Amino acid sequence: VNLVLDLRDCLADAKTSLAEMSEYCRWRAEVGAMGGPLSEDQIAEVQSRIASAKGRTAACYRYLLGASAFLADSYGDEDDYGQKEFEAVASAFPDHPRAETALFMVARARMRHLQTGWSDEPLAPEVIAAAEAAFQNYLVRYPEGRFVGDVYGWMGGVDVKRGAFADSLGWYLKQLDVPGHPENTRSAARMIER
């Protein structure tokens, strides 16, 4: 989880009290950048902070729990990769700056279930449909959002997994056309060439 973006989103929330912002940012700076999942002790502390949060920093704490689960990368059948926490942020705090990223991460978490099946074993159509629906939900809610180019690329990946290669090409071409995001060019071009 990018520490700077986390702090920026907390500070950008006009509905969060100054005292609450200050407490979260102080604590979050002490935790530091996350290169992997939180420890069991850190998870317990975050859960305690969620339980005692009286305001909107609960969105930041819940997002952090989701990010930790996503980073755990265990690929187990029971793993939701932080999806429940991201959904809680997006639904309980729809106008919070963390909501857009949380909704994107709901889709990424669902995509993880597809990634566990990159082998030749077939995936249930409902797993593919769930990932596609989550990315579509992001596009409906944030048609000009920060992650539109990423979503186009992931939608192409969903179509590849489905075997709809012609459809995937359309998504990768859209990804190339997103203005202001040259970082999409390399991955989109690589997928088009495949």
C-alpha atoms as a PDB file:
ATOM      1  CA  VAL A   1       0.000   0.000   0.000  1.00  0.00           C
ATOM      2  CA  ASN A   2       1.473   3.280  -1.046  1.00  0.00           C
ATOM      3  CA  LEU A   3       1.887   5.277   2.145  1.00  0.00           C
ATOM      4  CA  VAL A   4       1.791   8.634   0.373  1.00  0.00           C
ATOM      5  CA  LEU A   5      -1.495   7.849  -1.411  1.00  0.00           C
ATOM      6  CA  ASP A   6      -3.018   6.575   1.826  1.00  0.00           C
ATOM      7  CA  LEU A   7      -2.100   9.761   3.673  1.00  0.00           C
ATOM      8  CA  ARG A   8      -3.226  11.916   0.745  1.00  0.00           C
ATOM      9  CA  ASP A   9      -6.649  10.261   0.693  1.00  0.00           C
ATOM     10  CA  CYS A  10      -7.069  10.686   4.445  1.00  0.00           C
ATOM     11  CA  LEU A  11      -6.111  14.352   4.286  1.00  0.00           C
ATOM     12  CA  ALA A  12      -8.285  14.983   1.217  1.00  0.00           C
ATOM     13  CA  ASP A  13     -11.473  13.920   2.993  1.00  0.00           C
ATOM     14  CA  ALA A  14     -13.176  17.188   3.908  1.00  0.00           C
ATOM     15  CA  LYS A  15     -15.642  15.340   6.165  1.00  0.00           C
ATOM     16  CA  THR A  16     -12.959  13.926   8.475  1.00  0.00           C
ATOM     17  CA  SER A  17     -12.200  15.985  11.568  1.00  0.00           C
ATOM     18  CA  LEU A  18      -8.740  17.467  11.894  1.00  0.00           C
ATOM     19  CA  ALA A  19      -8.085  15.523  15.107  1.00  0.00           C
ATOM     20  CA  GLU A  20      -9.087  12.256  13.471  1.00  0.00           C
ATOM     21  CA  MET A  21      -6.920  12.961  10.412  1.00  0.00           C
ATOM     22  CA  SER A  22      -3.976  13.830  12.598  1.00  0.00           C
ATOM     23  CA  GLU A  23      -4.280  10.644  14.670  1.00  0.00           C
ATOM     24  CA  TYR A  24      -4.583   8.399  11.623  1.00  0.00           C
ATOM     25  CA  CYS A  25      -1.708  10.049   9.754  1.00  0.00           C
ATOM     26  CA  ARG A  26       0.557   9.914  12.827  1.00  0.00           C
ATOM     27  CA  TRP A  27      -0.206   6.223  13.350  1.00  0.00           C
ATOM     28  CA  ARG A  28       0.019   5.371   9.649  1.00  0.00           C
ATOM     29  CA  ALA A  29       3.411   7.074   9.323  1.00  0.00           C
ATOM     30  CA  GLU A  30       4.640   4.952  12.246  1.00  0.00           C
ATOM     31  CA  VAL A  31       3.459   1.779  10.482  1.00  0.00           C
ATOM     32  CA  GLY A  32       5.308   2.949   7.375  1.00  0.00           C
ATOM     33  CA  ALA A  33       5.213   1.630   3.830  1.00  0.00           C
ATOM     34  CA  MET A  34       3.913  -1.888   3.424  1.00  0.00           C
ATOM     35  CA  GLY A  35       6.063  -4.255   1.445  1.00  0.00           C
ATOM     36  CA  GLY A  36       3.879  -7.171   2.478  1.00  0.00           C
ATOM     37  CA  PRO A  37       0.934  -8.058   4.665  1.00  0.00           C
ATOM     38  CA  LEU A  38       0.505  -6.738   8.188  1.00  0.00           C
ATOM     39  CA  SER A  39       1.627  -8.900  11.085  1.00  0.00           C
ATOM     40  CA  GLU A  40      -0.963 -10.565  13.319  1.00  0.00           C
ATOM     41  CA  ASP A  41      -0.310  -7.906  15.980  1.00  0.00           C
ATOM     42  CA  GLN A  42      -0.760  -5.103  13.450  1.00  0.00           C
ATOM     43  CA  ILE A  43      -3.996  -6.672  12.179  1.00  0.00           C
ATOM     44  CA  ALA A  44      -5.314  -6.857  15.742  1.00  0.00           C
ATOM     45  CA  GLU A  45      -4.396  -3.211  16.274  1.00  0.00           C
ATOM     46  CA  VAL A  46      -6.122  -2.124  13.048  1.00  0.00           C
ATOM     47  CA  GLN A  47      -9.243  -4.087  14.006  1.00  0.00           C
ATOM     48  CA  SER A  48      -9.220  -2.394  17.398  1.00  0.00           C
ATOM     49  CA  ARG A  49      -8.885   1.004  15.747  1.00  0.00           C
ATOM     50  CA  ILE A  50     -11.804   0.212  13.426  1.00  0.00           C
ATOM     51  CA  ALA A  51     -13.944  -0.757  16.414  1.00  0.00           C
ATOM     52  CA  SER A  52     -13.136   2.486  18.212  1.00  0.00           C
ATOM     53  CA  ALA A  53     -13.222   4.806  15.184  1.00  0.00           C
ATOM     54  CA  LYS A  54     -16.003   7.317  15.539  1.00  0.00           C
ATOM     55  CA  GLY A  55     -15.574   8.892  12.160  1.00  0.00           C
ATOM     56  CA  ARG A  56     -14.480   8.414   8.605  1.00  0.00           C
ATOM     57  CA  THR A  57     -10.930   7.217   9.217  1.00  0.00           C
ATOM     58  CA  ALA A  58     -12.563   3.796   9.552  1.00  0.00           C
ATOM     59  CA  ALA A  59     -12.459   3.826   5.736  1.00  0.00           C
ATOM     60  CA  CYS A  60      -8.666   4.137   5.828  1.00  0.00           C
ATOM     61  CA  TYR A  61      -8.251   1.425   8.467  1.00  0.00           C
ATOM     62  CA  ARG A  62     -10.556  -0.987   6.613  1.00  0.00           C
ATOM     63  CA  TYR A  63      -8.793  -0.316   3.336  1.00  0.00           C
ATOM     64  CA  LEU A  64      -5.491  -1.106   5.049  1.00  0.00           C
ATOM     65  CA  LEU A  65      -6.862  -4.472   6.231  1.00  0.00           C
ATOM     66  CA  GLY A  66      -8.021  -5.228   2.702  1.00  0.00           C
ATOM     67  CA  ALA A  67      -4.641  -4.275   1.274  1.00  0.00           C
ATOM     68  CA  SER A  68      -2.897  -6.515   3.780  1.00  0.00           C
ATOM     69  CA  ALA A  69      -5.081  -9.472   2.761  1.00  0.00           C
ATOM     70  CA  PHE A  70      -4.458  -8.695  -0.911  1.00  0.00           C
ATOM     71  CA  LEU A  71      -0.703  -8.614  -0.315  1.00  0.00           C
ATOM     72  CA  ALA A  72      -0.806 -11.920   1.599  1.00  0.00           C
ATOM     73  CA  ASP A  73      -1.115 -13.555  -1.805  1.00  0.00           C
ATOM     74  CA  SER A  74      -2.000 -16.979  -0.414  1.00  0.00           C
ATOM     75  CA  TYR A  75      -4.205 -18.022  -3.354  1.00  0.00           C
ATOM     76  CA  GLY A  76      -6.310 -20.305  -1.195  1.00  0.00           C
ATOM     77  CA  ASP A  77      -9.868 -21.211  -2.097  1.00  0.00           C
ATOM     78  CA  GLU A  78     -11.158 -19.521   1.059  1.00  0.00           C
ATOM     79  CA  ASP A  79      -9.130 -16.351   0.497  1.00  0.00           C
ATOM     80  CA  ASP A  80     -11.111 -13.303  -0.584  1.00  0.00           C
ATOM     81  CA  TYR A  81      -7.930 -11.215  -1.100  1.00  0.00           C
ATOM     82  CA  GLY A  82      -9.370  -8.331   0.929  1.00  0.00           C
ATOM     83  CA  GLN A  83     -12.563  -8.121  -1.107  1.00  0.00           C
ATOM     84  CA  LYS A  84     -14.896  -7.814   1.930  1.00  0.00           C
ATOM     85  CA  GLU A  85     -12.894  -4.946   3.393  1.00  0.00           C
ATOM     86  CA  PHE A  86     -12.708  -3.115   0.065  1.00  0.00           C
ATOM     87  CA  GLU A  87     -16.470  -3.587  -0.432  1.00  0.00           C
ATOM     88  CA  ALA A  88     -17.108  -2.212   3.060  1.00  0.00           C
ATOM     89  CA  VAL A  89     -15.110   0.933   2.264  1.00  0.00           C
ATOM     90  CA  ALA A  90     -16.846   1.484  -1.090  1.00  0.00           C
ATOM     91  CA  SER A  91     -20.347   0.960   0.318  1.00  0.00           C
ATOM     92  CA  ALA A  92     -20.072   2.609   3.748  1.00  0.00           C
ATOM     93  CA  PHE A  93     -17.993   5.575   2.561  1.00  0.00           C
ATOM     94  CA  PRO A  94     -18.955   6.114  -1.111  1.00  0.00           C
ATOM     95  CA  ASP A  95     -17.810   9.757  -1.079  1.00  0.00           C
ATOM     96  CA  HIS A  96     -14.510   9.107   0.719  1.00  0.00           C
ATOM     97  CA  PRO A  97     -11.337   9.487  -1.369  1.00  0.00           C
ATOM     98  CA  ARG A  98     -10.480   5.823  -0.617  1.00  0.00           C
ATOM     99  CA  ALA A  99     -13.775   4.627  -2.171  1.00  0.00           C
ATOM    100  CA  GLU A 100     -12.565   4.755  -5.781  1.00  0.00           C
ATOM    101  CA  THR A 101      -9.430   2.775  -5.042  1.00  0.00           C
ATOM    102  CA  ALA A 102     -11.438   0.351  -2.889  1.00  0.00           C
ATOM    103  CA  LEU A 103     -13.887  -0.317  -5.729  1.00  0.00           C
ATOM    104  CA  PHE A 104     -10.983  -0.940  -8.090  1.00  0.00           C
ATOM    105  CA  MET A 105      -9.488  -3.332  -5.549  1.00  0.00           C
ATOM    106  CA  VAL A 106     -12.786  -5.242  -5.261  1.00  0.00           C
ATOM    107  CA  ALA A 107     -12.377  -6.025  -8.942  1.00  0.00           C
ATOM    108  CA  ARG A 108      -8.686  -6.867  -8.526  1.00  0.00           C
ATOM    109  CA  ALA A 109      -9.540  -9.227  -5.665  1.00  0.00           C
ATOM    110  CA  ARG A 110     -12.095 -10.987  -7.864  1.00  0.00           C
ATOM    111  CA  MET A 111      -9.522 -11.135 -10.641  1.00  0.00           C
ATOM    112  CA  ARG A 112      -7.182 -12.955  -8.278  1.00  0.00           C
ATOM    113  CA  HIS A 113      -9.553 -15.906  -8.426  1.00  0.00           C
ATOM    114  CA  LEU A 114      -9.033 -15.967 -12.183  1.00  0.00           C
ATOM    115  CA  GLN A 115      -5.287 -15.710 -11.791  1.00  0.00           C
ATOM    116  CA  THR A 116      -5.223 -18.817  -9.615  1.00  0.00           C
ATOM    117  CA  GLY A 117      -6.592 -20.621 -12.644  1.00  0.00           C
ATOM    118  CA  TRP A 118      -4.102 -19.476 -15.291  1.00  0.00           C
ATOM    119  CA  SER A 119      -3.330 -23.159 -15.709  1.00  0.00           C
ATOM    120  CA  ASP A 120      -5.244 -25.319 -18.166  1.00  0.00           C
ATOM    121  CA  GLU A 121      -7.921 -26.212 -15.640  1.00  0.00           C
ATOM    122  CA  PRO A 122     -11.288 -24.630 -16.500  1.00  0.00           C
ATOM    123  CA  LEU A 123     -12.824 -21.988 -14.265  1.00  0.00           C
ATOM    124  CA  ALA A 124     -16.477 -21.776 -13.381  1.00  0.00           C
ATOM    125  CA  PRO A 125     -18.231 -19.195 -15.577  1.00  0.00           C
ATOM    126  CA  GLU A 126     -19.528 -17.412 -12.469  1.00  0.00           C
ATOM    127  CA  VAL A 127     -15.932 -16.716 -11.338  1.00  0.00           C
ATOM    128  CA  ILE A 128     -15.194 -15.046 -14.661  1.00  0.00           C
ATOM    129  CA  ALA A 129     -18.527 -13.192 -14.607  1.00  0.00           C
ATOM    130  CA  ALA A 130     -17.886 -11.903 -11.068  1.00  0.00           C
ATOM    131  CA  ALA A 131     -14.550 -10.386 -12.085  1.00  0.00           C
ATOM    132  CA  GLU A 132     -16.060  -8.841 -15.205  1.00  0.00           C
ATOM    133  CA  ALA A 133     -19.011  -7.394 -13.251  1.00  0.00           C
ATOM    134  CA  ALA A 134     -16.686  -5.837 -10.676  1.00  0.00           C
ATOM    135  CA  PHE A 135     -14.605  -4.103 -13.350  1.00  0.00           C
ATOM    136  CA  GLN A 136     -17.768  -2.943 -15.148  1.00  0.00           C
ATOM    137  CA  ASN A 137     -19.071  -1.582 -11.837  1.00  0.00           C
ATOM    138  CA  TYR A 138     -15.912   0.512 -11.515  1.00  0.00           C
ATOM    139  CA  LEU A 139     -16.306   1.843 -15.073  1.00  0.00           C
ATOM    140  CA  VAL A 140     -19.939   2.802 -14.431  1.00  0.00           C
ATOM    141  CA  ARG A 141     -19.138   4.586 -11.188  1.00  0.00           C
ATOM    142  CA  TYR A 142     -15.855   6.182 -12.306  1.00  0.00           C
ATOM    143  CA  PRO A 143     -15.910   6.526 -16.106  1.00  0.00           C
ATOM    144  CA  GLU A 144     -13.063   9.065 -15.911  1.00  0.00           C
ATOM    145  CA  GLY A 145     -11.420   7.517 -12.863  1.00  0.00           C
ATOM    146  CA  ARG A 146      -7.763   7.126 -11.969  1.00  0.00           C
ATOM    147  CA  PHE A 147      -7.763   3.430 -12.864  1.00  0.00           C
ATOM    148  CA  VAL A 148      -9.725   3.376 -16.128  1.00  0.00           C
ATOM    149  CA  GLY A 149      -6.685   2.344 -18.171  1.00  0.00           C
ATOM    150  CA  ASP A 150      -5.911  -0.437 -15.722  1.00  0.00           C
ATOM    151  CA  VAL A 151      -9.515  -1.614 -15.835  1.00  0.00           C
ATOM    152  CA  TYR A 152      -9.432  -1.789 -19.634  1.00  0.00           C
ATOM    153  CA  GLY A 153      -6.341  -3.990 -19.411  1.00  0.00           C
ATOM    154  CA  TRP A 154      -7.908  -6.250 -16.779  1.00  0.00           C
ATOM    155  CA  MET A 155     -11.100  -6.519 -18.859  1.00  0.00           C
ATOM    156  CA  GLY A 156      -8.918  -7.678 -21.729  1.00  0.00           C
ATOM    157  CA  GLY A 157      -7.483 -10.282 -19.365  1.00  0.00           C
ATOM    158  CA  VAL A 158     -10.978 -11.453 -18.430  1.00  0.00           C
ATOM    159  CA  ASP A 159     -11.763 -11.926 -22.120  1.00  0.00           C
ATOM    160  CA  VAL A 160      -8.505 -13.826 -22.644  1.00  0.00           C
ATOM    161  CA  LYS A 161      -9.446 -16.142 -19.782  1.00  0.00           C
ATOM    162  CA  ARG A 162     -12.866 -16.607 -21.394  1.00  0.00           C
ATOM    163  CA  GLY A 163     -11.227 -17.389 -24.746  1.00  0.00           C
ATOM    164  CA  ALA A 164     -12.750 -14.292 -26.382  1.00  0.00           C
ATOM    165  CA  PHE A 165      -9.513 -13.087 -27.943  1.00  0.00           C
ATOM    166  CA  ALA A 166     -11.129 -10.689 -30.436  1.00  0.00           C
ATOM    167  CA  ASP A 167     -13.005  -8.987 -27.587  1.00  0.00           C
ATOM    168  CA  SER A 168      -9.807  -8.719 -25.542  1.00  0.00           C
ATOM    169  CA  LEU A 169      -8.152  -6.886 -28.422  1.00  0.00           C
ATOM    170  CA  GLY A 170     -10.809  -4.161 -28.178  1.00  0.00           C
ATOM    171  CA  TRP A 171     -10.061  -3.630 -24.479  1.00  0.00           C
ATOM    172  CA  TYR A 172      -6.311  -3.427 -25.060  1.00  0.00           C
ATOM    173  CA  LEU A 173      -6.810  -0.898 -27.856  1.00  0.00           C
ATOM    174  CA  LYS A 174      -8.979   1.202 -25.507  1.00  0.00           C
ATOM    175  CA  GLN A 175      -6.223   0.959 -22.924  1.00  0.00           C
ATOM    176  CA  LEU A 176      -3.742   2.398 -25.418  1.00  0.00           C
ATOM    177  CA  ASP A 177      -6.051   5.369 -26.004  1.00  0.00           C
ATOM    178  CA  VAL A 178      -6.318   6.506 -22.367  1.00  0.00           C
ATOM    179  CA  PRO A 179      -4.753   9.987 -22.327  1.00  0.00           C
ATOM    180  CA  GLY A 180      -2.082  10.847 -19.807  1.00  0.00           C
ATOM    181  CA  HIS A 181      -1.122   7.258 -18.969  1.00  0.00           C
ATOM    182  CA  PRO A 182       1.890   6.248 -21.052  1.00  0.00           C
ATOM    183  CA  GLU A 183       2.546   3.425 -18.571  1.00  0.00           C
ATOM    184  CA  ASN A 184      -0.339   1.505 -20.192  1.00  0.00           C
ATOM    185  CA  THR A 185       1.388   1.377 -23.568  1.00  0.00           C
ATOM    186  CA  ARG A 186       3.884  -1.374 -22.847  1.00  0.00           C
ATOM    187  CA  SER A 187       1.449  -3.825 -21.248  1.00  0.00           C
ATOM    188  CA  ALA A 188      -1.313  -3.179 -23.788  1.00  0.00           C
ATOM    189  CA  ALA A 189       1.079  -3.569 -26.705  1.00  0.00           C
ATOM    190  CA  ARG A 190       2.486  -6.773 -25.237  1.00  0.00           C
ATOM    191  CA  MET A 191      -0.988  -8.264 -24.845  1.00  0.00           C
ATOM    192  CA  ILE A 192      -2.015  -7.217 -28.375  1.00  0.00           C
ATOM    193  CA  GLU A 193       1.057  -8.938 -29.799  1.00  0.00           C
ATOM    194  CA  ARG A 194       0.285 -12.187 -27.995  1.00  0.00           C
END
